[in-house]
């Protein structure tokens, strides 16, 4: 009956991609690839999370997005309020605009008491629990290259970069040896004339 918005769900997914370590920055395109959230929508969600202080944002080279604090220190209520604002929880359950303590709808008193209980429960649920559930429920998050622990990603990048560097060195040296053996190329001879 009552549930969180799609925007909050997307915020949870996006933050689930981000690791606990502050130095591991993710690009928005990597989060899109991992979560399958539409890019423009994700941009709005990340902007709201950054504005609230839950996500750090860094522009430029080696920039991206990262969690501002460890997952176990972020509550589900923090995420909901960052994306939807606190006013979303103060709305009338029937959708009436004139509903208030002075002029309450038929379910106002009941909903007011339940709202307090719901907020308390959401404050007790850590984002670490929600992220663990999301990663377990959605296989593409657990197997996504973006979600792998930063140490694994860093080792893979270093290995790939080292291999490419070694090949370019060998190719460059071999290329010079071939030119010396056979003399200058036709283009080089034409330029000298």
N, C-alpha and C. Protein backbone atom coordinates (compact mmCIF):
# COMPACT_ATOMS: atom_id res chain seq x y z
N UNK A 1 0.83 -1.19 0.00
CA UNK A 1 0.00 0.00 0.00
C UNK A 1 0.87 1.25 0.00
N UNK A 2 1.60 1.51 1.06
CA UNK A 2 2.49 2.66 1.11
C UNK A 2 3.91 2.16 0.90
N UNK A 3 4.60 2.78 -0.01
CA UNK A 3 5.98 2.35 -0.27
C UNK A 3 6.83 3.56 -0.60
N UNK A 4 8.14 3.32 -0.67
CA UNK A 4 9.06 4.39 -1.01
C UNK A 4 9.00 4.64 -2.51
N UNK A 5 9.43 5.80 -2.92
CA UNK A 5 9.37 6.17 -4.34
C UNK A 5 10.43 5.45 -5.16
N UNK A 6 10.26 5.47 -6.45
CA UNK A 6 11.24 4.90 -7.37
C UNK A 6 12.57 5.64 -7.24
N UNK A 7 12.52 6.94 -7.02
CA UNK A 7 13.73 7.74 -6.87
C UNK A 7 14.55 7.24 -5.67
N UNK A 8 13.89 6.94 -4.57
CA UNK A 8 14.59 6.41 -3.40
C UNK A 8 15.19 5.04 -3.73
N UNK A 9 14.45 4.23 -4.45
CA UNK A 9 14.98 2.92 -4.87
C UNK A 9 16.22 3.07 -5.72
N UNK A 10 16.21 4.03 -6.64
CA UNK A 10 17.38 4.28 -7.47
C UNK A 10 18.56 4.79 -6.64
N UNK A 11 18.27 5.62 -5.64
CA UNK A 11 19.34 6.11 -4.77
C UNK A 11 19.99 4.96 -4.02
N UNK A 12 19.17 4.02 -3.55
CA UNK A 12 19.69 2.85 -2.83
C UNK A 12 20.55 2.01 -3.77
N UNK A 13 20.08 1.80 -4.99
CA UNK A 13 20.86 1.02 -5.96
C UNK A 13 22.20 1.69 -6.28
N UNK A 14 22.16 2.99 -6.54
CA UNK A 14 23.38 3.72 -6.89
C UNK A 14 24.38 3.69 -5.74
N UNK A 15 23.90 3.91 -4.52
CA UNK A 15 24.79 3.89 -3.37
C UNK A 15 25.30 2.49 -3.07
N UNK A 16 24.54 1.46 -3.45
CA UNK A 16 24.98 0.08 -3.26
C UNK A 16 26.20 -0.23 -4.11
N UNK A 17 26.31 0.45 -5.24
CA UNK A 17 27.47 0.26 -6.12
C UNK A 17 28.74 0.84 -5.51
N UNK A 18 28.58 1.87 -4.72
CA UNK A 18 29.75 2.57 -4.18
C UNK A 18 30.31 1.80 -2.99
N UNK A 19 31.63 1.71 -2.96
CA UNK A 19 32.29 0.99 -1.88
C UNK A 19 32.37 1.81 -0.61
N UNK A 20 32.79 1.15 0.46
CA UNK A 20 32.94 1.81 1.75
C UNK A 20 34.16 2.70 1.82
N UNK A 21 35.10 2.49 0.94
CA UNK A 21 36.36 3.23 1.01
C UNK A 21 36.21 4.60 0.39
N UNK A 22 36.70 5.62 1.06
CA UNK A 22 36.53 7.00 0.58
C UNK A 22 37.31 7.28 -0.70
N UNK A 23 38.41 6.58 -0.93
CA UNK A 23 39.24 6.87 -2.10
C UNK A 23 38.77 6.22 -3.38
N UNK A 24 37.72 5.39 -3.33
CA UNK A 24 37.29 4.69 -4.54
C UNK A 24 36.17 5.47 -5.22
N UNK A 25 36.55 6.20 -6.25
CA UNK A 25 35.60 7.04 -6.99
C UNK A 25 35.02 6.26 -8.15
N UNK A 26 33.71 6.40 -8.36
CA UNK A 26 33.05 5.76 -9.49
C UNK A 26 32.48 6.83 -10.41
N UNK A 27 32.60 6.60 -11.70
CA UNK A 27 32.00 7.50 -12.68
C UNK A 27 30.50 7.19 -12.80
N UNK A 28 29.74 8.19 -13.17
CA UNK A 28 28.30 8.00 -13.33
C UNK A 28 28.00 6.94 -14.38
N UNK A 29 28.79 6.90 -15.45
CA UNK A 29 28.54 5.90 -16.51
C UNK A 29 28.77 4.49 -15.99
N UNK A 30 29.70 4.32 -15.04
CA UNK A 30 29.92 3.00 -14.46
C UNK A 30 28.75 2.60 -13.57
N UNK A 31 28.19 3.56 -12.86
CA UNK A 31 27.02 3.27 -12.01
C UNK A 31 25.83 2.93 -12.89
N UNK A 32 25.68 3.62 -14.01
CA UNK A 32 24.60 3.31 -14.96
C UNK A 32 24.76 1.88 -15.48
N UNK A 33 25.99 1.51 -15.84
CA UNK A 33 26.24 0.16 -16.36
C UNK A 33 25.94 -0.90 -15.30
N UNK A 34 26.24 -0.58 -14.07
CA UNK A 34 26.06 -1.54 -12.97
C UNK A 34 24.59 -1.67 -12.56
N UNK A 35 23.89 -0.56 -12.49
CA UNK A 35 22.53 -0.56 -11.94
C UNK A 35 21.43 -0.53 -12.98
N UNK A 36 21.78 -0.13 -14.21
CA UNK A 36 20.81 0.01 -15.29
C UNK A 36 19.78 1.12 -15.03
N UNK A 37 20.18 2.13 -14.27
CA UNK A 37 19.34 3.30 -14.03
C UNK A 37 19.54 4.25 -15.20
N UNK A 38 18.49 4.84 -15.76
CA UNK A 38 18.66 5.80 -16.86
C UNK A 38 19.60 6.95 -16.44
N UNK A 39 20.53 7.29 -17.31
CA UNK A 39 21.56 8.29 -17.01
C UNK A 39 21.06 9.63 -16.49
N UNK A 40 20.10 10.28 -17.18
CA UNK A 40 19.61 11.58 -16.68
C UNK A 40 18.95 11.47 -15.29
N UNK A 41 18.23 10.38 -15.08
CA UNK A 41 17.59 10.17 -13.78
C UNK A 41 18.65 9.98 -12.70
N UNK A 42 19.67 9.17 -13.01
CA UNK A 42 20.76 8.94 -12.07
C UNK A 42 21.47 10.24 -11.73
N UNK A 43 21.65 11.09 -12.71
CA UNK A 43 22.31 12.37 -12.47
C UNK A 43 21.57 13.18 -11.42
N UNK A 44 20.24 13.24 -11.53
CA UNK A 44 19.43 13.97 -10.54
C UNK A 44 19.55 13.34 -9.16
N UNK A 45 19.52 12.00 -9.11
CA UNK A 45 19.62 11.29 -7.83
C UNK A 45 20.97 11.56 -7.18
N UNK A 46 22.05 11.45 -7.97
CA UNK A 46 23.39 11.68 -7.43
C UNK A 46 23.57 13.13 -6.97
N UNK A 47 22.96 14.04 -7.69
CA UNK A 47 23.02 15.46 -7.29
C UNK A 47 22.36 15.65 -5.92
N UNK A 48 21.19 15.05 -5.73
CA UNK A 48 20.48 15.16 -4.45
C UNK A 48 21.29 14.51 -3.33
N UNK A 49 21.89 13.36 -3.60
CA UNK A 49 22.70 12.67 -2.59
C UNK A 49 23.95 13.48 -2.25
N UNK A 50 24.54 14.12 -3.26
CA UNK A 50 25.71 14.95 -3.03
C UNK A 50 25.36 16.20 -2.23
N UNK A 51 24.23 16.79 -2.55
CA UNK A 51 23.79 18.01 -1.86
C UNK A 51 23.50 17.73 -0.38
N UNK A 52 23.04 16.52 -0.08
CA UNK A 52 22.71 16.16 1.30
C UNK A 52 23.94 15.74 2.10
N UNK A 53 25.05 15.49 1.42
CA UNK A 53 26.27 15.10 2.11
C UNK A 53 26.46 13.61 2.28
N UNK A 54 25.59 12.79 1.70
CA UNK A 54 25.75 11.34 1.79
C UNK A 54 26.78 10.82 0.79
N UNK A 55 26.91 11.53 -0.33
CA UNK A 55 27.83 11.12 -1.39
C UNK A 55 28.78 12.28 -1.66
N UNK A 56 30.05 11.94 -1.81
CA UNK A 56 31.04 12.94 -2.19
C UNK A 56 31.11 13.00 -3.70
N UNK A 57 31.27 14.17 -4.25
CA UNK A 57 31.39 14.32 -5.69
C UNK A 57 32.71 15.02 -5.99
N UNK A 58 33.34 14.56 -7.05
CA UNK A 58 34.63 15.14 -7.45
C UNK A 58 34.64 15.24 -8.96
N UNK A 59 34.88 16.44 -9.45
CA UNK A 59 34.89 16.66 -10.90
C UNK A 59 36.29 16.44 -11.45
N UNK A 60 36.34 16.20 -12.75
CA UNK A 60 37.61 16.13 -13.44
C UNK A 60 38.26 14.76 -13.42
N UNK A 61 39.54 14.77 -13.78
CA UNK A 61 40.33 13.55 -13.87
C UNK A 61 40.35 12.85 -12.51
N UNK A 62 40.14 11.57 -12.52
CA UNK A 62 40.07 10.74 -11.31
C UNK A 62 38.94 11.18 -10.38
N UNK A 63 37.93 11.77 -10.95
CA UNK A 63 36.77 12.20 -10.18
C UNK A 63 35.68 11.16 -10.21
N UNK A 64 34.51 11.55 -9.73
CA UNK A 64 33.37 10.65 -9.72
C UNK A 64 32.58 10.81 -8.45
N UNK A 65 32.05 9.68 -7.96
CA UNK A 65 31.19 9.68 -6.79
C UNK A 65 31.67 8.62 -5.81
N UNK A 66 31.56 8.91 -4.51
CA UNK A 66 31.93 7.97 -3.46
C UNK A 66 31.07 8.25 -2.23
N UNK A 67 30.89 7.24 -1.40
CA UNK A 67 30.15 7.44 -0.16
C UNK A 67 30.94 8.37 0.76
N UNK A 68 30.24 9.27 1.42
CA UNK A 68 30.89 10.24 2.31
C UNK A 68 31.28 9.62 3.64
N UNK A 69 30.59 8.58 4.05
CA UNK A 69 30.92 7.89 5.30
C UNK A 69 30.64 6.40 5.13
N UNK A 70 31.11 5.57 6.02
CA UNK A 70 30.89 4.12 5.89
C UNK A 70 29.41 3.77 5.85
N UNK A 71 29.09 2.67 5.16
CA UNK A 71 27.70 2.25 5.00
C UNK A 71 26.99 2.04 6.32
N UNK A 72 27.71 1.53 7.32
CA UNK A 72 27.05 1.25 8.60
C UNK A 72 26.74 2.52 9.39
N UNK A 73 27.24 3.67 8.95
CA UNK A 73 26.93 4.94 9.61
C UNK A 73 25.91 5.77 8.84
N UNK A 74 25.32 5.18 7.80
CA UNK A 74 24.26 5.82 7.03
C UNK A 74 22.98 5.05 7.31
N UNK A 75 21.90 5.74 7.63
CA UNK A 75 20.63 5.05 7.87
C UNK A 75 19.75 5.14 6.64
N UNK A 76 18.77 4.27 6.60
CA UNK A 76 17.82 4.30 5.49
C UNK A 76 17.04 5.61 5.50
N UNK A 77 16.77 6.13 6.68
CA UNK A 77 16.07 7.41 6.79
C UNK A 77 16.90 8.54 6.17
N UNK A 78 18.23 8.48 6.35
CA UNK A 78 19.11 9.49 5.73
C UNK A 78 18.94 9.50 4.21
N UNK A 79 18.90 8.32 3.62
CA UNK A 79 18.77 8.22 2.15
C UNK A 79 17.41 8.75 1.70
N UNK A 80 16.35 8.37 2.41
CA UNK A 80 15.00 8.81 2.04
C UNK A 80 14.89 10.33 2.13
N UNK A 81 15.38 10.90 3.21
CA UNK A 81 15.29 12.35 3.38
C UNK A 81 16.18 13.09 2.40
N UNK A 82 17.29 12.49 2.00
CA UNK A 82 18.17 13.14 1.02
C UNK A 82 17.50 13.24 -0.34
N UNK A 83 16.75 12.23 -0.71
CA UNK A 83 16.16 12.20 -2.05
C UNK A 83 14.77 12.84 -2.07
N UNK A 84 13.95 12.54 -1.08
CA UNK A 84 12.57 13.01 -1.10
C UNK A 84 12.30 14.20 -0.21
N UNK A 85 13.19 14.47 0.71
CA UNK A 85 12.98 15.56 1.66
C UNK A 85 12.14 15.09 2.84
N UNK A 86 12.16 15.86 3.89
CA UNK A 86 11.42 15.46 5.09
C UNK A 86 9.92 15.66 4.91
N UNK A 87 9.53 16.56 4.06
CA UNK A 87 8.10 16.86 3.86
C UNK A 87 7.33 15.66 3.33
N UNK A 88 8.01 14.75 2.63
CA UNK A 88 7.30 13.61 2.05
C UNK A 88 6.68 12.74 3.13
N UNK A 89 7.27 12.72 4.31
CA UNK A 89 6.74 11.88 5.39
C UNK A 89 5.66 12.59 6.20
N UNK A 90 5.49 13.89 5.99
CA UNK A 90 4.49 14.64 6.74
C UNK A 90 3.18 14.80 5.98
N UNK A 91 3.11 14.22 4.79
CA UNK A 91 1.89 14.34 3.99
C UNK A 91 0.75 13.50 4.56
N UNK A 92 -0.43 13.91 4.23
CA UNK A 92 -1.63 13.17 4.63
C UNK A 92 -1.66 11.83 3.90
N UNK A 93 -2.02 10.78 4.62
CA UNK A 93 -2.07 9.46 4.01
C UNK A 93 -3.18 9.38 2.95
N UNK A 94 -4.19 10.22 3.07
CA UNK A 94 -5.27 10.24 2.08
C UNK A 94 -4.98 11.21 0.93
N UNK A 95 -3.88 11.97 1.05
CA UNK A 95 -3.52 12.90 -0.01
C UNK A 95 -4.22 14.24 0.10
N UNK A 96 -4.85 14.54 1.22
CA UNK A 96 -5.56 15.80 1.39
C UNK A 96 -4.57 16.92 1.73
N UNK A 97 -4.75 18.07 1.11
CA UNK A 97 -3.84 19.19 1.36
C UNK A 97 -4.18 19.95 2.63
N UNK A 98 -5.45 19.91 3.06
CA UNK A 98 -5.87 20.65 4.23
C UNK A 98 -5.72 19.86 5.52
N UNK A 99 -5.16 18.69 5.50
CA UNK A 99 -5.04 17.83 6.67
C UNK A 99 -3.92 18.36 7.58
N UNK A 100 -4.24 18.65 8.84
CA UNK A 100 -3.26 19.13 9.81
C UNK A 100 -3.74 18.77 11.21
N UNK A 101 -2.98 19.15 12.22
CA UNK A 101 -3.40 18.87 13.60
C UNK A 101 -4.67 19.63 13.95
N UNK A 102 -4.84 20.83 13.39
CA UNK A 102 -6.03 21.63 13.68
C UNK A 102 -7.27 21.07 12.99
N UNK A 103 -7.10 20.63 11.76
CA UNK A 103 -8.23 20.09 10.98
C UNK A 103 -7.77 18.78 10.34
N UNK A 104 -7.84 17.71 11.11
CA UNK A 104 -7.34 16.42 10.66
C UNK A 104 -8.37 15.59 9.93
N UNK A 105 -7.89 14.78 8.99
CA UNK A 105 -8.76 13.86 8.27
C UNK A 105 -9.12 12.68 9.20
N UNK A 106 -10.01 11.80 8.78
CA UNK A 106 -10.43 10.69 9.65
C UNK A 106 -9.29 9.78 10.13
N UNK A 107 -8.18 9.69 9.38
CA UNK A 107 -7.08 8.82 9.80
C UNK A 107 -5.87 9.61 10.29
N UNK A 108 -6.02 10.90 10.51
CA UNK A 108 -4.89 11.75 10.87
C UNK A 108 -4.18 11.29 12.15
N UNK A 109 -4.90 11.08 13.22
CA UNK A 109 -4.29 10.69 14.49
C UNK A 109 -3.59 9.34 14.37
N UNK A 110 -4.23 8.39 13.70
CA UNK A 110 -3.62 7.08 13.49
C UNK A 110 -2.32 7.22 12.70
N UNK A 111 -2.37 7.97 11.60
CA UNK A 111 -1.20 8.11 10.73
C UNK A 111 -0.08 8.88 11.42
N UNK A 112 -0.43 9.84 12.23
CA UNK A 112 0.58 10.61 12.96
C UNK A 112 1.37 9.69 13.90
N UNK A 113 0.69 8.80 14.60
CA UNK A 113 1.36 7.86 15.49
C UNK A 113 2.19 6.84 14.71
N UNK A 114 1.67 6.35 13.62
CA UNK A 114 2.39 5.36 12.80
C UNK A 114 3.62 5.98 12.14
N UNK A 115 3.50 7.24 11.75
CA UNK A 115 4.63 7.93 11.13
C UNK A 115 5.83 7.99 12.07
N UNK A 116 5.57 8.22 13.34
CA UNK A 116 6.64 8.26 14.34
C UNK A 116 7.32 6.89 14.44
N UNK A 117 6.52 5.82 14.44
CA UNK A 117 7.07 4.45 14.51
C UNK A 117 7.89 4.13 13.26
N UNK A 118 7.37 4.52 12.10
CA UNK A 118 8.07 4.23 10.84
C UNK A 118 9.40 4.97 10.79
N UNK A 119 9.42 6.23 11.18
CA UNK A 119 10.67 7.01 11.19
C UNK A 119 11.69 6.37 12.13
N UNK A 120 11.23 5.92 13.29
CA UNK A 120 12.14 5.28 14.26
C UNK A 120 12.73 3.99 13.67
N UNK A 121 11.92 3.21 13.00
CA UNK A 121 12.39 1.96 12.39
C UNK A 121 13.39 2.25 11.26
N UNK A 122 13.07 3.21 10.41
CA UNK A 122 13.97 3.57 9.30
C UNK A 122 15.29 4.12 9.82
N UNK A 123 15.26 4.78 10.97
CA UNK A 123 16.48 5.32 11.57
C UNK A 123 17.37 4.19 12.11
N UNK A 124 16.76 3.06 12.48
CA UNK A 124 17.53 1.92 13.02
C UNK A 124 18.12 1.03 11.94
N UNK A 125 17.61 1.11 10.73
CA UNK A 125 18.10 0.25 9.64
C UNK A 125 19.30 0.92 9.00
N UNK A 126 20.44 0.24 9.02
CA UNK A 126 21.65 0.83 8.42
C UNK A 126 21.66 0.57 6.92
N UNK A 127 22.33 1.45 6.22
CA UNK A 127 22.43 1.29 4.77
C UNK A 127 23.25 0.05 4.43
N UNK A 128 24.15 -0.36 5.32
CA UNK A 128 24.94 -1.57 5.09
C UNK A 128 24.03 -2.78 4.94
N UNK A 129 22.98 -2.87 5.75
CA UNK A 129 22.02 -3.98 5.65
C UNK A 129 21.26 -3.94 4.33
N UNK A 130 20.85 -2.74 3.95
CA UNK A 130 20.09 -2.58 2.69
C UNK A 130 20.97 -2.91 1.49
N UNK A 131 22.23 -2.43 1.51
CA UNK A 131 23.14 -2.69 0.40
C UNK A 131 23.45 -4.18 0.28
N UNK A 132 23.63 -4.86 1.43
CA UNK A 132 23.89 -6.30 1.40
C UNK A 132 22.71 -7.04 0.79
N UNK A 133 21.50 -6.62 1.14
CA UNK A 133 20.30 -7.23 0.57
C UNK A 133 20.24 -6.99 -0.93
N UNK A 134 20.47 -5.74 -1.35
CA UNK A 134 20.41 -5.40 -2.78
C UNK A 134 21.42 -6.21 -3.58
N UNK A 135 22.64 -6.31 -3.07
CA UNK A 135 23.68 -7.03 -3.80
C UNK A 135 23.38 -8.52 -3.86
N UNK A 136 22.73 -9.05 -2.82
CA UNK A 136 22.36 -10.46 -2.83
C UNK A 136 21.17 -10.73 -3.73
N UNK A 137 20.24 -9.79 -3.78
CA UNK A 137 19.02 -9.97 -4.57
C UNK A 137 19.25 -9.69 -6.06
N UNK A 138 20.20 -8.87 -6.37
CA UNK A 138 20.45 -8.50 -7.77
C UNK A 138 21.83 -8.98 -8.16
N UNK A 139 21.87 -10.08 -8.88
CA UNK A 139 23.15 -10.69 -9.22
C UNK A 139 24.05 -9.76 -10.01
N UNK A 140 23.47 -8.90 -10.85
CA UNK A 140 24.32 -8.03 -11.67
C UNK A 140 25.09 -7.03 -10.82
N UNK A 141 24.62 -6.73 -9.59
CA UNK A 141 25.39 -5.83 -8.73
C UNK A 141 26.62 -6.55 -8.18
N UNK A 142 26.45 -7.81 -7.80
CA UNK A 142 27.55 -8.56 -7.20
C UNK A 142 28.61 -8.94 -8.23
N UNK A 143 28.20 -9.15 -9.48
CA UNK A 143 29.15 -9.57 -10.50
C UNK A 143 29.64 -8.42 -11.37
N UNK A 144 29.08 -7.24 -11.17
CA UNK A 144 29.44 -6.07 -11.96
C UNK A 144 30.91 -5.70 -11.72
N UNK A 145 31.60 -5.33 -12.77
CA UNK A 145 33.01 -4.94 -12.65
C UNK A 145 33.17 -3.72 -11.75
N UNK A 146 32.16 -2.88 -11.71
CA UNK A 146 32.22 -1.68 -10.89
C UNK A 146 32.16 -2.05 -9.41
N UNK A 147 31.37 -3.06 -9.08
CA UNK A 147 31.13 -3.39 -7.68
C UNK A 147 32.29 -4.16 -7.05
N UNK A 148 33.17 -4.76 -7.86
CA UNK A 148 34.28 -5.52 -7.28
C UNK A 148 35.04 -4.65 -6.31
N UNK A 149 35.60 -5.24 -5.27
CA UNK A 149 36.37 -4.44 -4.32
C UNK A 149 37.46 -3.65 -5.03
N UNK A 150 37.75 -2.43 -4.55
CA UNK A 150 38.72 -1.57 -5.22
C UNK A 150 40.09 -2.23 -5.39
N UNK A 151 40.51 -3.05 -4.45
CA UNK A 151 41.82 -3.68 -4.58
C UNK A 151 41.90 -4.58 -5.81
N UNK A 152 40.81 -5.30 -6.11
CA UNK A 152 40.79 -6.17 -7.28
C UNK A 152 40.84 -5.34 -8.56
N UNK A 153 40.05 -4.25 -8.60
CA UNK A 153 40.04 -3.39 -9.77
C UNK A 153 41.41 -2.76 -10.00
N UNK A 154 42.04 -2.30 -8.92
CA UNK A 154 43.34 -1.64 -9.03
C UNK A 154 44.39 -2.61 -9.54
N UNK A 155 44.38 -3.85 -9.03
CA UNK A 155 45.35 -4.84 -9.48
C UNK A 155 45.15 -5.15 -10.96
N UNK A 156 43.90 -5.26 -11.39
CA UNK A 156 43.62 -5.56 -12.79
C UNK A 156 44.10 -4.42 -13.69
N UNK A 157 43.88 -3.17 -13.27
CA UNK A 157 44.32 -2.02 -14.06
C UNK A 157 45.84 -1.98 -14.15
N UNK A 158 46.51 -2.22 -13.01
CA UNK A 158 47.97 -2.19 -13.00
C UNK A 158 48.54 -3.27 -13.91
N UNK A 159 47.96 -4.46 -13.83
CA UNK A 159 48.44 -5.55 -14.66
C UNK A 159 48.25 -5.22 -16.14
N UNK A 160 47.08 -4.70 -16.48
CA UNK A 160 46.79 -4.35 -17.86
C UNK A 160 47.73 -3.23 -18.34
N UNK A 161 47.93 -2.22 -17.52
CA UNK A 161 48.80 -1.10 -17.89
C UNK A 161 50.24 -1.56 -18.03
N UNK A 162 50.70 -2.41 -17.13
CA UNK A 162 52.07 -2.91 -17.19
C UNK A 162 52.31 -3.74 -18.43
N UNK A 163 51.35 -4.59 -18.79
CA UNK A 163 51.48 -5.42 -19.98
C UNK A 163 51.52 -4.55 -21.23
N UNK A 164 50.66 -3.56 -21.31
CA UNK A 164 50.63 -2.67 -22.48
C UNK A 164 51.94 -1.89 -22.58
N UNK A 165 52.45 -1.44 -21.44
CA UNK A 165 53.70 -0.68 -21.44
C UNK A 165 54.87 -1.56 -21.92
N UNK A 166 54.91 -2.80 -21.43
CA UNK A 166 55.99 -3.70 -21.84
C UNK A 166 55.92 -3.99 -23.34
N UNK A 167 54.71 -4.20 -23.86
CA UNK A 167 54.56 -4.48 -25.29
C UNK A 167 54.99 -3.28 -26.13
N UNK A 168 54.65 -2.07 -25.68
CA UNK A 168 55.03 -0.89 -26.46
C UNK A 168 56.54 -0.70 -26.44
N UNK A 169 57.16 -1.03 -25.33
CA UNK A 169 58.62 -0.92 -25.27
C UNK A 169 59.26 -1.90 -26.22
N UNK A 170 58.77 -3.14 -26.19
CA UNK A 170 59.34 -4.14 -27.09
C UNK A 170 59.11 -3.76 -28.54
N UNK A 171 57.90 -3.31 -28.84
CA UNK A 171 57.58 -2.93 -30.23
C UNK A 171 58.45 -1.78 -30.69
N UNK A 172 58.68 -0.82 -29.82
CA UNK A 172 59.49 0.34 -30.18
C UNK A 172 60.93 -0.06 -30.44
N UNK A 173 61.49 -0.90 -29.59
CA UNK A 173 62.89 -1.33 -29.76
C UNK A 173 63.02 -2.19 -31.00
N UNK A 174 62.08 -3.10 -31.20
CA UNK A 174 62.14 -3.97 -32.37
C UNK A 174 62.00 -3.16 -33.64
N UNK A 175 61.14 -2.16 -33.60
CA UNK A 175 60.94 -1.32 -34.77
C UNK A 175 62.22 -0.58 -35.15
N UNK A 176 62.95 -0.05 -34.16
CA UNK A 176 64.20 0.65 -34.44
C UNK A 176 65.25 -0.30 -35.00
N UNK A 177 65.27 -1.53 -34.47
CA UNK A 177 66.25 -2.51 -34.95
C UNK A 177 65.98 -2.86 -36.41
N UNK A 178 64.74 -2.98 -36.79
CA UNK A 178 64.38 -3.30 -38.17
C UNK A 178 64.81 -2.15 -39.08
N UNK A 179 64.57 -0.92 -38.67
CA UNK A 179 64.94 0.22 -39.51
C UNK A 179 66.45 0.28 -39.71
N UNK A 180 67.21 -0.02 -38.67
CA UNK A 180 68.67 0.01 -38.81
C UNK A 180 69.16 -1.06 -39.76
N UNK A 181 68.56 -2.23 -39.68
CA UNK A 181 68.99 -3.33 -40.52
C UNK A 181 68.71 -3.07 -42.00
N UNK A 182 67.58 -2.50 -42.29
CA UNK A 182 67.17 -2.33 -43.68
C UNK A 182 67.37 -0.92 -44.20
N UNK A 183 67.86 -0.05 -43.39
CA UNK A 183 68.07 1.31 -43.84
C UNK A 183 66.81 2.14 -43.70
N UNK A 184 66.86 3.39 -44.14
CA UNK A 184 65.71 4.28 -44.01
C UNK A 184 64.56 3.85 -44.92
N UNK A 185 63.36 4.22 -44.54
CA UNK A 185 62.19 3.89 -45.34
C UNK A 185 62.14 4.79 -46.58
N UNK A 186 61.24 4.46 -47.50
CA UNK A 186 61.10 5.26 -48.72
C UNK A 186 60.70 6.69 -48.38
N UNK A 187 59.78 6.86 -47.40
CA UNK A 187 59.35 8.20 -47.02
C UNK A 187 60.52 9.00 -46.47
N UNK A 188 61.34 8.37 -45.64
CA UNK A 188 62.49 9.07 -45.05
C UNK A 188 63.47 9.49 -46.14
N UNK A 189 63.71 8.62 -47.12
CA UNK A 189 64.62 8.97 -48.23
C UNK A 189 64.05 10.10 -49.06
N UNK A 190 62.73 10.10 -49.29
CA UNK A 190 62.10 11.15 -50.08
C UNK A 190 62.18 12.49 -49.36
N UNK A 191 62.04 12.49 -48.04
CA UNK A 191 62.12 13.72 -47.28
C UNK A 191 63.52 14.33 -47.32
N UNK A 192 64.55 13.51 -47.36
CA UNK A 192 65.92 14.00 -47.37
C UNK A 192 66.24 14.73 -48.69
N UNK A 193 65.57 14.34 -49.75
CA UNK A 193 65.84 14.95 -51.06
C UNK A 193 65.21 16.27 -51.16
